[in-house]
Amino acid sequence: MSKNHSPIGATVSEHIQRKLANNKDYREAYERLLPFEQIARIAIMRRAQLGLSQQQVAERMGTTTSVISRIESGQHRTSTETLRRLAEALEGHAVLGFEFQTDGEPERELIAL
């Protein structure tokens, strides 16, 4: 069995697409949490690049490993202050912005936190 297939034969991606199409509550939760899942992926990859454990990141942030675990789960909202501290712990900067549609071209305004 391929690692991307569930025991019943559908890929994980197909399963998610089916649930998105058929379940309004699932779709709303998925869309609401998607940015936090993306943040989680970035944090996990950067932490791995730096060779840091969750404990080391937590120490750099002055918090606990459970906070890092929640962020990396992608299932919880994270404040801008926590994102700023996380970015610094991962040797970077958090950037926040807005995107506006004007004359057909998206315009982005970004700031570093």
N, C-alpha and C. Protein backbone atom coordinates (compact mmCIF):
# COMPACT_ATOMS: atom_id res chain seq x y z
N MET A 1 0.84 -1.17 0.00
CA MET A 1 0.00 0.00 0.00
C MET A 1 0.89 1.24 0.00
N SER A 2 0.57 2.21 -0.84
CA SER A 2 1.32 3.46 -0.91
C SER A 2 1.13 4.24 0.38
N LYS A 3 2.16 4.99 0.78
CA LYS A 3 2.05 5.75 2.02
C LYS A 3 1.04 6.88 1.92
N ASN A 4 0.60 7.26 0.72
CA ASN A 4 -0.38 8.32 0.56
C ASN A 4 -1.80 7.80 0.46
N HIS A 5 -2.00 6.52 0.64
CA HIS A 5 -3.34 5.95 0.55
C HIS A 5 -3.82 5.48 1.91
N SER A 6 -5.09 5.68 2.15
CA SER A 6 -5.70 5.20 3.38
C SER A 6 -5.96 3.70 3.23
N PRO A 7 -6.28 3.04 4.31
CA PRO A 7 -6.57 1.60 4.23
C PRO A 7 -7.72 1.27 3.29
N ILE A 8 -8.60 2.23 3.01
CA ILE A 8 -9.72 1.94 2.12
C ILE A 8 -9.45 2.34 0.68
N GLY A 9 -8.24 2.78 0.37
CA GLY A 9 -7.84 3.01 -1.01
C GLY A 9 -7.87 4.43 -1.52
N ALA A 10 -8.43 5.38 -0.81
CA ALA A 10 -8.45 6.77 -1.25
C ALA A 10 -7.20 7.46 -0.72
N THR A 11 -6.65 8.39 -1.49
CA THR A 11 -5.52 9.16 -0.99
C THR A 11 -6.02 10.11 0.09
N VAL A 12 -5.13 10.58 0.92
CA VAL A 12 -5.49 11.54 1.96
C VAL A 12 -6.07 12.78 1.31
N SER A 13 -5.46 13.23 0.23
CA SER A 13 -5.94 14.40 -0.48
C SER A 13 -7.36 14.21 -1.00
N GLU A 14 -7.64 13.04 -1.56
CA GLU A 14 -8.99 12.74 -2.05
C GLU A 14 -10.00 12.72 -0.90
N HIS A 15 -9.60 12.14 0.21
CA HIS A 15 -10.47 12.08 1.38
C HIS A 15 -10.80 13.50 1.87
N ILE A 16 -9.79 14.35 1.97
CA ILE A 16 -10.02 15.73 2.41
C ILE A 16 -10.92 16.46 1.43
N GLN A 17 -10.68 16.30 0.13
CA GLN A 17 -11.51 16.97 -0.87
C GLN A 17 -12.96 16.52 -0.78
N ARG A 18 -13.18 15.24 -0.54
CA ARG A 18 -14.54 14.71 -0.40
C ARG A 18 -15.23 15.32 0.82
N LYS A 19 -14.50 15.39 1.94
CA LYS A 19 -15.07 15.98 3.15
C LYS A 19 -15.34 17.46 2.97
N LEU A 20 -14.45 18.17 2.27
CA LEU A 20 -14.67 19.59 2.01
C LEU A 20 -15.92 19.81 1.18
N ALA A 21 -16.13 18.95 0.22
CA ALA A 21 -17.29 19.09 -0.67
C ALA A 21 -18.60 18.72 0.02
N ASN A 22 -18.56 17.80 0.97
CA ASN A 22 -19.79 17.25 1.54
C ASN A 22 -20.13 17.70 2.95
N ASN A 23 -19.23 18.40 3.62
CA ASN A 23 -19.47 18.72 5.02
C ASN A 23 -19.17 20.19 5.28
N LYS A 24 -20.20 20.99 5.44
CA LYS A 24 -20.05 22.44 5.63
C LYS A 24 -19.23 22.76 6.89
N ASP A 25 -19.51 22.08 8.00
CA ASP A 25 -18.77 22.33 9.24
C ASP A 25 -17.29 22.02 9.08
N TYR A 26 -16.99 20.91 8.42
CA TYR A 26 -15.59 20.53 8.16
C TYR A 26 -14.91 21.59 7.29
N ARG A 27 -15.61 22.04 6.24
CA ARG A 27 -15.07 23.04 5.32
C ARG A 27 -14.77 24.35 6.07
N GLU A 28 -15.69 24.78 6.92
CA GLU A 28 -15.49 26.02 7.68
C GLU A 28 -14.31 25.91 8.63
N ALA A 29 -14.19 24.79 9.32
CA ALA A 29 -13.07 24.57 10.24
C ALA A 29 -11.75 24.50 9.47
N TYR A 30 -11.76 23.81 8.34
CA TYR A 30 -10.56 23.68 7.50
C TYR A 30 -10.08 25.06 7.04
N GLU A 31 -11.00 25.87 6.54
CA GLU A 31 -10.64 27.21 6.05
C GLU A 31 -10.17 28.12 7.18
N ARG A 32 -10.81 28.00 8.34
CA ARG A 32 -10.43 28.83 9.49
C ARG A 32 -9.03 28.47 10.00
N LEU A 33 -8.69 27.19 9.98
CA LEU A 33 -7.41 26.73 10.53
C LEU A 33 -6.27 26.68 9.52
N LEU A 34 -6.57 26.81 8.23
CA LEU A 34 -5.53 26.69 7.20
C LEU A 34 -4.33 27.60 7.44
N PRO A 35 -4.52 28.89 7.75
CA PRO A 35 -3.34 29.73 8.00
C PRO A 35 -2.48 29.23 9.16
N PHE A 36 -3.11 28.68 10.19
CA PHE A 36 -2.36 28.19 11.34
C PHE A 36 -1.63 26.89 11.01
N GLU A 37 -2.20 26.09 10.11
CA GLU A 37 -1.50 24.89 9.64
C GLU A 37 -0.27 25.30 8.82
N GLN A 38 -0.41 26.34 8.02
CA GLN A 38 0.72 26.82 7.23
C GLN A 38 1.82 27.37 8.13
N ILE A 39 1.43 28.10 9.17
CA ILE A 39 2.40 28.59 10.15
C ILE A 39 3.11 27.42 10.81
N ALA A 40 2.36 26.40 11.16
CA ALA A 40 2.93 25.21 11.79
C ALA A 40 3.99 24.57 10.90
N ARG A 41 3.68 24.43 9.63
CA ARG A 41 4.64 23.81 8.70
C ARG A 41 5.93 24.63 8.60
N ILE A 42 5.78 25.94 8.53
CA ILE A 42 6.96 26.82 8.47
C ILE A 42 7.78 26.66 9.75
N ALA A 43 7.12 26.70 10.91
CA ALA A 43 7.83 26.60 12.18
C ALA A 43 8.56 25.26 12.31
N ILE A 44 7.90 24.18 11.94
CA ILE A 44 8.52 22.86 12.03
C ILE A 44 9.73 22.76 11.12
N MET A 45 9.59 23.22 9.88
CA MET A 45 10.71 23.15 8.93
C MET A 45 11.88 24.01 9.39
N ARG A 46 11.59 25.22 9.87
CA ARG A 46 12.67 26.11 10.31
C ARG A 46 13.35 25.55 11.55
N ARG A 47 12.56 25.02 12.48
CA ARG A 47 13.14 24.42 13.68
C ARG A 47 14.07 23.27 13.30
N ALA A 48 13.64 22.46 12.33
CA ALA A 48 14.48 21.35 11.87
C ALA A 48 15.75 21.86 11.20
N GLN A 49 15.64 22.91 10.40
CA GLN A 49 16.83 23.49 9.75
C GLN A 49 17.84 23.96 10.77
N LEU A 50 17.35 24.52 11.86
CA LEU A 50 18.24 25.02 12.91
C LEU A 50 18.69 23.92 13.87
N GLY A 51 18.10 22.73 13.75
CA GLY A 51 18.46 21.62 14.62
C GLY A 51 18.01 21.83 16.06
N LEU A 52 16.88 22.50 16.23
CA LEU A 52 16.38 22.81 17.57
C LEU A 52 15.25 21.86 17.97
N SER A 53 15.19 21.57 19.24
CA SER A 53 14.05 20.81 19.79
C SER A 53 12.94 21.79 20.15
N GLN A 54 11.75 21.26 20.39
CA GLN A 54 10.66 22.12 20.87
C GLN A 54 11.05 22.77 22.19
N GLN A 55 11.74 22.04 23.03
CA GLN A 55 12.18 22.58 24.33
C GLN A 55 13.12 23.77 24.13
N GLN A 56 14.05 23.66 23.20
CA GLN A 56 14.98 24.76 22.94
C GLN A 56 14.25 26.00 22.40
N VAL A 57 13.29 25.79 21.51
CA VAL A 57 12.51 26.92 21.00
C VAL A 57 11.72 27.56 22.13
N ALA A 58 11.11 26.73 22.98
CA ALA A 58 10.35 27.24 24.11
C ALA A 58 11.24 28.07 25.03
N GLU A 59 12.43 27.60 25.30
CA GLU A 59 13.36 28.35 26.15
C GLU A 59 13.72 29.69 25.53
N ARG A 60 13.95 29.71 24.22
CA ARG A 60 14.26 30.95 23.53
C ARG A 60 13.10 31.95 23.59
N MET A 61 11.88 31.41 23.63
CA MET A 61 10.69 32.26 23.68
C MET A 61 10.26 32.61 25.10
N GLY A 62 10.81 31.91 26.09
CA GLY A 62 10.38 32.11 27.46
C GLY A 62 9.00 31.53 27.71
N THR A 63 8.74 30.37 27.12
CA THR A 63 7.44 29.72 27.28
C THR A 63 7.64 28.23 27.52
N THR A 64 6.59 27.45 27.35
CA THR A 64 6.67 26.01 27.61
C THR A 64 6.61 25.23 26.30
N THR A 65 7.01 23.97 26.39
CA THR A 65 6.96 23.11 25.20
C THR A 65 5.53 22.87 24.75
N SER A 66 4.58 22.92 25.68
CA SER A 66 3.18 22.71 25.28
C SER A 66 2.71 23.83 24.36
N VAL A 67 3.20 25.05 24.56
CA VAL A 67 2.85 26.16 23.64
C VAL A 67 3.41 25.87 22.26
N ILE A 68 4.64 25.41 22.18
CA ILE A 68 5.26 25.10 20.89
C ILE A 68 4.51 23.95 20.23
N SER A 69 4.16 22.95 21.00
CA SER A 69 3.41 21.81 20.47
C SER A 69 2.07 22.25 19.89
N ARG A 70 1.38 23.13 20.59
CA ARG A 70 0.08 23.63 20.09
C ARG A 70 0.27 24.40 18.79
N ILE A 71 1.29 25.25 18.73
CA ILE A 71 1.56 26.00 17.49
C ILE A 71 1.84 25.03 16.35
N GLU A 72 2.70 24.05 16.61
CA GLU A 72 3.10 23.11 15.57
C GLU A 72 2.00 22.13 15.19
N SER A 73 0.95 22.04 15.97
CA SER A 73 -0.17 21.18 15.60
C SER A 73 -1.00 21.83 14.49
N GLY A 74 -0.95 23.16 14.39
CA GLY A 74 -1.71 23.87 13.38
C GLY A 74 -3.20 23.91 13.66
N GLN A 75 -3.59 23.56 14.86
CA GLN A 75 -5.01 23.47 15.22
C GLN A 75 -5.46 24.56 16.19
N HIS A 76 -4.58 25.53 16.44
CA HIS A 76 -4.89 26.56 17.43
C HIS A 76 -4.51 27.94 16.90
N ARG A 77 -5.32 28.92 17.24
CA ARG A 77 -5.01 30.30 16.89
C ARG A 77 -3.79 30.75 17.69
N THR A 78 -3.01 31.63 17.10
CA THR A 78 -1.79 32.12 17.74
C THR A 78 -1.79 33.64 17.66
N SER A 79 -1.48 34.30 18.75
CA SER A 79 -1.49 35.76 18.77
C SER A 79 -0.31 36.31 17.98
N THR A 80 -0.42 37.56 17.58
CA THR A 80 0.69 38.19 16.85
C THR A 80 1.92 38.31 17.73
N GLU A 81 1.74 38.53 19.02
CA GLU A 81 2.89 38.61 19.93
C GLU A 81 3.60 37.26 20.01
N THR A 82 2.86 36.18 20.07
CA THR A 82 3.47 34.84 20.10
C THR A 82 4.18 34.56 18.78
N LEU A 83 3.58 34.96 17.66
CA LEU A 83 4.23 34.77 16.36
C LEU A 83 5.53 35.57 16.27
N ARG A 84 5.52 36.78 16.82
CA ARG A 84 6.74 37.60 16.82
C ARG A 84 7.84 36.91 17.62
N ARG A 85 7.50 36.42 18.82
CA ARG A 85 8.48 35.74 19.65
C ARG A 85 8.96 34.44 19.01
N LEU A 86 8.05 33.71 18.36
CA LEU A 86 8.42 32.48 17.67
C LEU A 86 9.40 32.78 16.54
N ALA A 87 9.10 33.79 15.75
CA ALA A 87 9.99 34.15 14.65
C ALA A 87 11.39 34.51 15.16
N GLU A 88 11.45 35.27 16.24
CA GLU A 88 12.74 35.62 16.81
C GLU A 88 13.48 34.38 17.32
N ALA A 89 12.75 33.46 17.94
CA ALA A 89 13.36 32.22 18.43
C ALA A 89 13.90 31.38 17.28
N LEU A 90 13.28 31.53 16.11
CA LEU A 90 13.71 30.79 14.91
C LEU A 90 14.63 31.64 14.03
N GLU A 91 15.16 32.71 14.64
CA GLU A 91 16.14 33.58 13.98
C GLU A 91 15.58 34.28 12.75
N GLY A 92 14.34 34.77 12.87
CA GLY A 92 13.71 35.49 11.76
C GLY A 92 12.82 36.59 12.27
N HIS A 93 11.96 37.07 11.40
CA HIS A 93 11.00 38.12 11.73
C HIS A 93 9.62 37.69 11.25
N ALA A 94 8.61 37.92 12.06
CA ALA A 94 7.23 37.68 11.64
C ALA A 94 6.80 38.88 10.80
N VAL A 95 6.07 38.60 9.74
CA VAL A 95 5.59 39.64 8.85
C VAL A 95 4.08 39.51 8.76
N LEU A 96 3.40 40.62 8.94
CA LEU A 96 1.95 40.67 8.89
C LEU A 96 1.55 41.60 7.77
N GLY A 97 0.48 41.29 7.09
CA GLY A 97 0.09 42.17 6.00
C GLY A 97 -1.37 42.08 5.63
N PHE A 98 -1.70 42.91 4.68
CA PHE A 98 -3.04 42.96 4.11
C PHE A 98 -2.90 42.93 2.60
N GLU A 99 -3.89 42.36 1.95
CA GLU A 99 -3.92 42.32 0.49
C GLU A 99 -5.22 42.95 0.04
N PHE A 100 -5.10 43.90 -0.88
CA PHE A 100 -6.26 44.61 -1.42
C PHE A 100 -6.30 44.41 -2.92
N GLN A 101 -7.48 44.25 -3.45
CA GLN A 101 -7.66 44.10 -4.90
C GLN A 101 -7.97 45.48 -5.48
N THR A 102 -7.06 46.03 -6.27
CA THR A 102 -7.29 47.32 -6.91
C THR A 102 -6.91 47.21 -8.38
N ASP A 103 -7.84 47.58 -9.23
CA ASP A 103 -7.60 47.57 -10.69
C ASP A 103 -7.09 46.22 -11.19
N GLY A 104 -7.63 45.13 -10.62
CA GLY A 104 -7.28 43.80 -11.10
C GLY A 104 -5.99 43.23 -10.54
N GLU A 105 -5.13 44.05 -9.98
CA GLU A 105 -3.86 43.58 -9.43
C GLU A 105 -3.92 43.59 -7.91
N PRO A 106 -3.56 42.49 -7.26
CA PRO A 106 -3.53 42.52 -5.79
C PRO A 106 -2.40 43.42 -5.30
N GLU A 107 -2.71 44.20 -4.31
CA GLU A 107 -1.71 45.09 -3.71
C GLU A 107 -1.50 44.63 -2.27
N ARG A 108 -0.25 44.42 -1.89
CA ARG A 108 0.05 43.93 -0.55
C ARG A 108 0.79 45.00 0.26
N GLU A 109 0.36 45.11 1.49
CA GLU A 109 1.02 45.97 2.45
C GLU A 109 1.52 45.09 3.59
N LEU A 110 2.83 45.07 3.82
CA LEU A 110 3.42 44.18 4.82
C LEU A 110 4.21 44.97 5.84
N ILE A 111 4.23 44.47 7.08
CA ILE A 111 5.07 45.04 8.12
C ILE A 111 5.72 43.91 8.89
N ALA A 112 6.92 44.16 9.37
CA ALA A 112 7.59 43.20 10.26
C ALA A 112 7.13 43.47 11.67
N LEU A 113 6.79 42.41 12.40
CA LEU A 113 6.36 42.58 13.80
C LEU A 113 7.54 42.69 14.71
